[in-house]
N, C-alpha and C. Protein backbone atom coordinates (compact mmCIF):
# COMPACT_ATOMS: atom_id res chain seq x y z
N ARG A 1 2.97 3.24 3.08
CA ARG A 1 4.36 2.95 2.81
C ARG A 1 4.57 1.45 2.78
N TYR A 2 5.45 1.04 1.90
CA TYR A 2 5.75 -0.38 1.72
C TYR A 2 7.26 -0.53 1.62
N TYR A 3 7.81 -1.44 2.39
CA TYR A 3 9.26 -1.62 2.44
C TYR A 3 9.63 -3.04 2.06
N LEU A 4 10.80 -3.17 1.43
CA LEU A 4 11.32 -4.48 1.06
C LEU A 4 12.57 -4.77 1.88
N PRO A 5 12.70 -6.00 2.37
CA PRO A 5 13.97 -6.36 3.03
C PRO A 5 15.06 -6.48 1.96
N ASN A 6 16.30 -6.62 2.37
CA ASN A 6 17.35 -6.77 1.37
C ASN A 6 17.95 -8.17 1.36
N ALA A 7 17.57 -9.03 2.30
CA ALA A 7 18.12 -10.39 2.34
C ALA A 7 17.15 -11.32 3.06
N PHE A 8 17.27 -12.61 2.74
CA PHE A 8 16.51 -13.63 3.46
C PHE A 8 17.27 -14.95 3.39
N THR A 9 16.90 -15.86 4.31
CA THR A 9 17.61 -17.13 4.44
C THR A 9 16.61 -18.29 4.44
N PRO A 10 16.22 -18.79 3.27
CA PRO A 10 15.22 -19.86 3.20
C PRO A 10 15.82 -21.24 3.53
N ASN A 11 16.17 -21.42 4.82
CA ASN A 11 16.80 -22.66 5.22
C ASN A 11 15.92 -23.56 6.09
N GLY A 12 14.65 -23.19 6.24
CA GLY A 12 13.70 -24.03 6.96
C GLY A 12 13.76 -23.93 8.46
N ASP A 13 14.47 -22.93 9.00
CA ASP A 13 14.55 -22.81 10.46
C ASP A 13 13.40 -21.99 11.05
N GLY A 14 12.49 -21.51 10.20
CA GLY A 14 11.34 -20.75 10.69
C GLY A 14 11.62 -19.28 10.91
N VAL A 15 12.84 -18.83 10.64
CA VAL A 15 13.20 -17.43 10.82
C VAL A 15 13.67 -16.88 9.48
N ASN A 16 12.98 -15.87 8.97
CA ASN A 16 13.39 -15.19 7.74
C ASN A 16 13.43 -16.14 6.54
N ASP A 17 12.49 -17.08 6.47
CA ASP A 17 12.47 -18.08 5.39
C ASP A 17 11.82 -17.58 4.11
N LEU A 18 11.06 -16.48 4.19
CA LEU A 18 10.37 -15.93 3.02
C LEU A 18 10.85 -14.52 2.74
N PHE A 19 10.97 -14.19 1.45
CA PHE A 19 11.20 -12.80 1.07
C PHE A 19 9.82 -12.17 0.95
N LEU A 20 9.55 -11.21 1.82
CA LEU A 20 8.21 -10.65 1.94
C LEU A 20 8.32 -9.19 2.33
N GLY A 21 7.63 -8.32 1.58
CA GLY A 21 7.60 -6.91 1.92
C GLY A 21 6.74 -6.66 3.13
N ASN A 22 6.85 -5.45 3.65
CA ASN A 22 6.11 -5.09 4.85
C ASN A 22 5.68 -3.63 4.73
N GLY A 23 4.48 -3.35 5.20
CA GLY A 23 4.04 -1.97 5.20
C GLY A 23 2.54 -1.84 5.14
N LEU A 24 2.09 -0.61 5.05
CA LEU A 24 0.67 -0.31 4.99
C LEU A 24 0.24 -0.17 3.54
N LEU A 25 -0.70 -0.99 3.14
CA LEU A 25 -1.24 -0.91 1.79
C LEU A 25 -2.75 -0.65 1.80
N GLU A 26 -3.24 -0.13 2.91
CA GLU A 26 -4.67 0.15 3.01
C GLU A 26 -5.08 1.16 1.94
N GLY A 27 -6.08 0.81 1.17
CA GLY A 27 -6.56 1.67 0.10
C GLY A 27 -5.81 1.48 -1.22
N ALA A 28 -4.76 0.67 -1.21
CA ALA A 28 -3.99 0.41 -2.44
C ALA A 28 -4.67 -0.70 -3.24
N SER A 29 -4.40 -0.74 -4.54
CA SER A 29 -4.98 -1.78 -5.40
C SER A 29 -3.97 -2.19 -6.45
N ASN A 30 -4.31 -3.23 -7.18
CA ASN A 30 -3.48 -3.74 -8.29
C ASN A 30 -2.05 -4.04 -7.86
N PHE A 31 -1.90 -4.66 -6.70
CA PHE A 31 -0.57 -5.01 -6.19
C PHE A 31 0.04 -6.13 -7.03
N ARG A 32 1.34 -6.01 -7.29
CA ARG A 32 2.08 -7.08 -7.97
C ARG A 32 3.53 -7.04 -7.53
N LEU A 33 4.04 -8.18 -7.07
CA LEU A 33 5.44 -8.33 -6.71
C LEU A 33 6.03 -9.38 -7.62
N SER A 34 7.16 -9.08 -8.25
CA SER A 34 7.83 -10.07 -9.09
C SER A 34 9.32 -10.10 -8.75
N ILE A 35 9.90 -11.29 -8.90
CA ILE A 35 11.31 -11.50 -8.59
C ILE A 35 11.96 -12.14 -9.81
N TRP A 36 13.12 -11.60 -10.20
CA TRP A 36 13.81 -11.99 -11.43
C TRP A 36 15.25 -12.36 -11.12
N ASN A 37 15.79 -13.31 -11.89
CA ASN A 37 17.21 -13.61 -11.75
C ASN A 37 18.03 -12.72 -12.69
N ARG A 38 19.34 -12.87 -12.67
CA ARG A 38 20.19 -11.98 -13.46
C ARG A 38 20.12 -12.24 -14.96
N TYR A 39 19.46 -13.33 -15.36
CA TYR A 39 19.29 -13.64 -16.78
C TYR A 39 17.94 -13.15 -17.32
N GLY A 40 17.17 -12.48 -16.48
CA GLY A 40 15.88 -11.96 -16.91
C GLY A 40 14.75 -12.97 -16.81
N GLU A 41 14.96 -14.07 -16.12
CA GLU A 41 13.92 -15.09 -15.95
C GLU A 41 13.10 -14.75 -14.71
N LYS A 42 11.78 -14.71 -14.86
CA LYS A 42 10.91 -14.45 -13.73
C LYS A 42 10.81 -15.71 -12.88
N LEU A 43 11.17 -15.58 -11.61
CA LEU A 43 11.14 -16.72 -10.70
C LEU A 43 9.90 -16.77 -9.84
N PHE A 44 9.30 -15.61 -9.60
CA PHE A 44 8.14 -15.57 -8.70
C PHE A 44 7.32 -14.34 -9.02
N GLU A 45 6.01 -14.48 -8.93
CA GLU A 45 5.11 -13.33 -9.08
C GLU A 45 3.86 -13.60 -8.26
N THR A 46 3.37 -12.55 -7.62
CA THR A 46 2.14 -12.67 -6.84
C THR A 46 1.39 -11.36 -6.86
N ASN A 47 0.08 -11.47 -6.70
CA ASN A 47 -0.80 -10.30 -6.54
C ASN A 47 -1.23 -10.15 -5.09
N ASP A 48 -0.76 -11.05 -4.24
CA ASP A 48 -1.12 -11.06 -2.82
C ASP A 48 0.00 -10.42 -2.00
N PRO A 49 -0.23 -9.27 -1.38
CA PRO A 49 0.83 -8.61 -0.61
C PRO A 49 1.28 -9.41 0.60
N ASP A 50 0.52 -10.44 1.00
CA ASP A 50 0.89 -11.27 2.15
C ASP A 50 1.60 -12.54 1.73
N ALA A 51 1.84 -12.73 0.44
CA ALA A 51 2.54 -13.92 -0.05
C ALA A 51 4.01 -13.59 -0.24
N GLY A 52 4.88 -14.53 0.10
CA GLY A 52 6.31 -14.31 -0.02
C GLY A 52 6.98 -15.36 -0.89
N TRP A 53 8.21 -15.08 -1.27
CA TRP A 53 9.00 -16.00 -2.09
C TRP A 53 9.85 -16.87 -1.18
N ASN A 54 9.84 -18.19 -1.42
CA ASN A 54 10.59 -19.11 -0.58
C ASN A 54 11.94 -19.52 -1.18
N GLY A 55 12.37 -18.86 -2.24
CA GLY A 55 13.66 -19.15 -2.84
C GLY A 55 13.63 -20.23 -3.91
N ARG A 56 12.44 -20.62 -4.35
CA ARG A 56 12.29 -21.62 -5.41
C ARG A 56 11.47 -21.00 -6.54
N LYS A 57 11.68 -21.48 -7.77
CA LYS A 57 10.90 -20.97 -8.90
C LYS A 57 9.42 -21.25 -8.66
N ASP A 58 8.60 -20.21 -8.71
CA ASP A 58 7.16 -20.30 -8.45
C ASP A 58 6.85 -20.98 -7.12
N ASN A 59 7.78 -20.89 -6.17
CA ASN A 59 7.66 -21.48 -4.83
C ASN A 59 7.56 -23.00 -4.83
N VAL A 60 7.94 -23.64 -5.94
CA VAL A 60 8.02 -25.11 -6.03
C VAL A 60 9.31 -25.44 -6.79
N GLY A 61 9.67 -26.67 -6.88
CA GLY A 61 10.85 -27.05 -7.66
C GLY A 61 12.12 -26.94 -6.84
N LYS A 62 13.26 -26.94 -7.55
CA LYS A 62 14.52 -26.93 -6.85
C LYS A 62 14.89 -25.53 -6.36
N PRO A 63 15.64 -25.47 -5.28
CA PRO A 63 16.02 -24.17 -4.70
C PRO A 63 16.89 -23.35 -5.65
N SER A 64 16.68 -22.05 -5.63
CA SER A 64 17.52 -21.13 -6.39
C SER A 64 18.87 -21.01 -5.68
N THR A 65 19.88 -20.66 -6.44
CA THR A 65 21.21 -20.54 -5.86
C THR A 65 21.34 -19.27 -5.04
N GLN A 66 22.31 -19.30 -4.14
CA GLN A 66 22.61 -18.11 -3.36
C GLN A 66 23.01 -17.00 -4.31
N GLY A 67 22.54 -15.80 -4.04
CA GLY A 67 22.89 -14.68 -4.91
C GLY A 67 21.93 -13.52 -4.75
N VAL A 68 22.02 -12.59 -5.69
CA VAL A 68 21.21 -11.38 -5.65
C VAL A 68 20.17 -11.44 -6.77
N TYR A 69 18.93 -11.12 -6.44
CA TYR A 69 17.80 -11.18 -7.37
C TYR A 69 17.13 -9.81 -7.42
N VAL A 70 16.56 -9.49 -8.56
CA VAL A 70 15.87 -8.20 -8.75
C VAL A 70 14.42 -8.34 -8.31
N VAL A 71 13.94 -7.35 -7.58
CA VAL A 71 12.56 -7.33 -7.09
C VAL A 71 11.87 -6.09 -7.63
N VAL A 72 10.66 -6.27 -8.16
CA VAL A 72 9.86 -5.14 -8.65
C VAL A 72 8.47 -5.25 -8.03
N VAL A 73 8.04 -4.17 -7.40
CA VAL A 73 6.70 -4.09 -6.81
C VAL A 73 5.96 -2.94 -7.48
N ASN A 74 4.75 -3.22 -7.93
CA ASN A 74 3.88 -2.19 -8.52
C ASN A 74 2.54 -2.22 -7.80
N TYR A 75 1.99 -1.05 -7.57
CA TYR A 75 0.61 -0.95 -7.07
C TYR A 75 0.09 0.46 -7.28
N VAL A 76 -1.20 0.60 -7.16
CA VAL A 76 -1.85 1.91 -7.26
C VAL A 76 -2.15 2.35 -5.83
N GLY A 77 -1.62 3.49 -5.46
CA GLY A 77 -1.80 4.01 -4.11
C GLY A 77 -3.23 4.46 -3.86
N PRO A 78 -3.55 4.77 -2.61
CA PRO A 78 -4.92 5.16 -2.25
C PRO A 78 -5.41 6.44 -2.91
N ARG A 79 -4.51 7.26 -3.42
CA ARG A 79 -4.90 8.49 -4.12
C ARG A 79 -4.84 8.33 -5.63
N GLY A 80 -4.67 7.07 -6.09
CA GLY A 80 -4.65 6.80 -7.52
C GLY A 80 -3.29 6.91 -8.18
N GLU A 81 -2.26 7.16 -7.41
CA GLU A 81 -0.93 7.30 -7.97
C GLU A 81 -0.29 5.92 -8.24
N GLN A 82 0.38 5.80 -9.38
CA GLN A 82 1.10 4.58 -9.73
C GLN A 82 2.41 4.55 -8.94
N ILE A 83 2.65 3.46 -8.25
CA ILE A 83 3.87 3.33 -7.45
C ILE A 83 4.65 2.12 -7.93
N GLU A 84 5.95 2.32 -8.14
CA GLU A 84 6.83 1.21 -8.50
C GLU A 84 8.05 1.27 -7.59
N ILE A 85 8.34 0.14 -6.97
CA ILE A 85 9.51 0.02 -6.10
C ILE A 85 10.41 -1.05 -6.71
N ARG A 86 11.66 -0.71 -6.91
CA ARG A 86 12.64 -1.67 -7.42
C ARG A 86 13.70 -1.88 -6.35
N GLY A 87 14.13 -3.10 -6.23
CA GLY A 87 15.16 -3.39 -5.22
C GLY A 87 15.84 -4.71 -5.52
N PHE A 88 16.61 -5.17 -4.54
CA PHE A 88 17.34 -6.41 -4.68
C PHE A 88 17.08 -7.29 -3.47
N ALA A 89 17.00 -8.58 -3.73
CA ALA A 89 16.84 -9.56 -2.66
C ALA A 89 18.08 -10.45 -2.68
N THR A 90 18.80 -10.48 -1.58
CA THR A 90 19.96 -11.34 -1.46
C THR A 90 19.52 -12.64 -0.80
N LEU A 91 19.64 -13.73 -1.54
CA LEU A 91 19.28 -15.04 -1.03
C LEU A 91 20.55 -15.64 -0.43
N ILE A 92 20.50 -15.95 0.87
CA ILE A 92 21.65 -16.50 1.57
C ILE A 92 21.35 -17.93 1.97
N ARG A 93 22.20 -18.85 1.57
CA ARG A 93 22.03 -20.27 1.92
C ARG A 93 23.08 -20.66 2.92
């Protein structure tokens, strides 16, 4: 099982600074997490389940504005099943 939070606060205080899923992915493969803004622009993508989004495009550059972003996670489960999780990430500044 893999879960996504619904909000994060990338303000540099060391608490909840990254948008990062949590769960058991043992035996899973082909992991991909992507984050999109409301205009359809991809802001972040990773194949590493331990990597999180810091609220900046590709984790560098200027900070994204406060708001709601679309999150899509895809992976192949341990039994070969295709899994897609869609959700929203609320960025709070």
